[in-house]
Amino acid sequence: MTLKTFATAAALAVTASMSFADGHAANPMVGGAEMLAEKNIIENAVNSPIHTTLVAAVQAAGLVDTLSGDGPFTVFAPTDDAFGMIAEGTLAALLLPENKDQLTQILTCHVVGAEVFSDAIGGMIADDGGMHPVATLGGCTLMAQMNGDMITLTDENDRTATVTIADVDQSNGVIHVIDRVMLPQQ
């Protein structure tokens, strides 16, 4: 092996290990923004242009410190379009300080107290015969199913969300982007 060949091979090995070590290469983009595996859930959510309503709701509920903490967490993160399905007056009312408890419950119905990637969810769905209950920190149970190769979640009100972007790795867990807000049983 020549010195030039060795140097080229070494440079490629270092570049490859850096890409995989920091999770950069494998992390999907969200809303056109890069999500960095070394950042926590809140830091990445703030950088996502399609999660501004979620960030505002997390701030209003006082959950920033929790979701910036060690975790691990799995967050099913509704997009701005998902929040747009809620009546504007209802959403505005939820963001008021007097409705903080209700908002907190809704948001924590999107959070699991473990890091669970999509392949593990798919395995649990298969092991459970096609449907797997997902217990959330908000006391809700979401039912996970496969719809082709996409994971869907159904809340206690029969509202179904699809995971549109899976496995967005975070320093304190993982985010799965969903297209609908999940609600606790009414």
Foldseek 3Di string as FASTA:
>chain_A
DDPVVVVVVVVVVVVVCVCVVFVQVPADAACNHGFTQAAFPLVRLVRHPFQPLVNLLCVLLVNPDVRRDQFQKEFAGETNQQVVVDPPVVSVVCSDNVNSVQSVLQRQQRMARAADFPVNVVVQCVVVPFWDWGQTPSRWTWIWGDDDPWIWTATPVRDIWIQPATFRHYSRHGYGYIHHRHHHDD
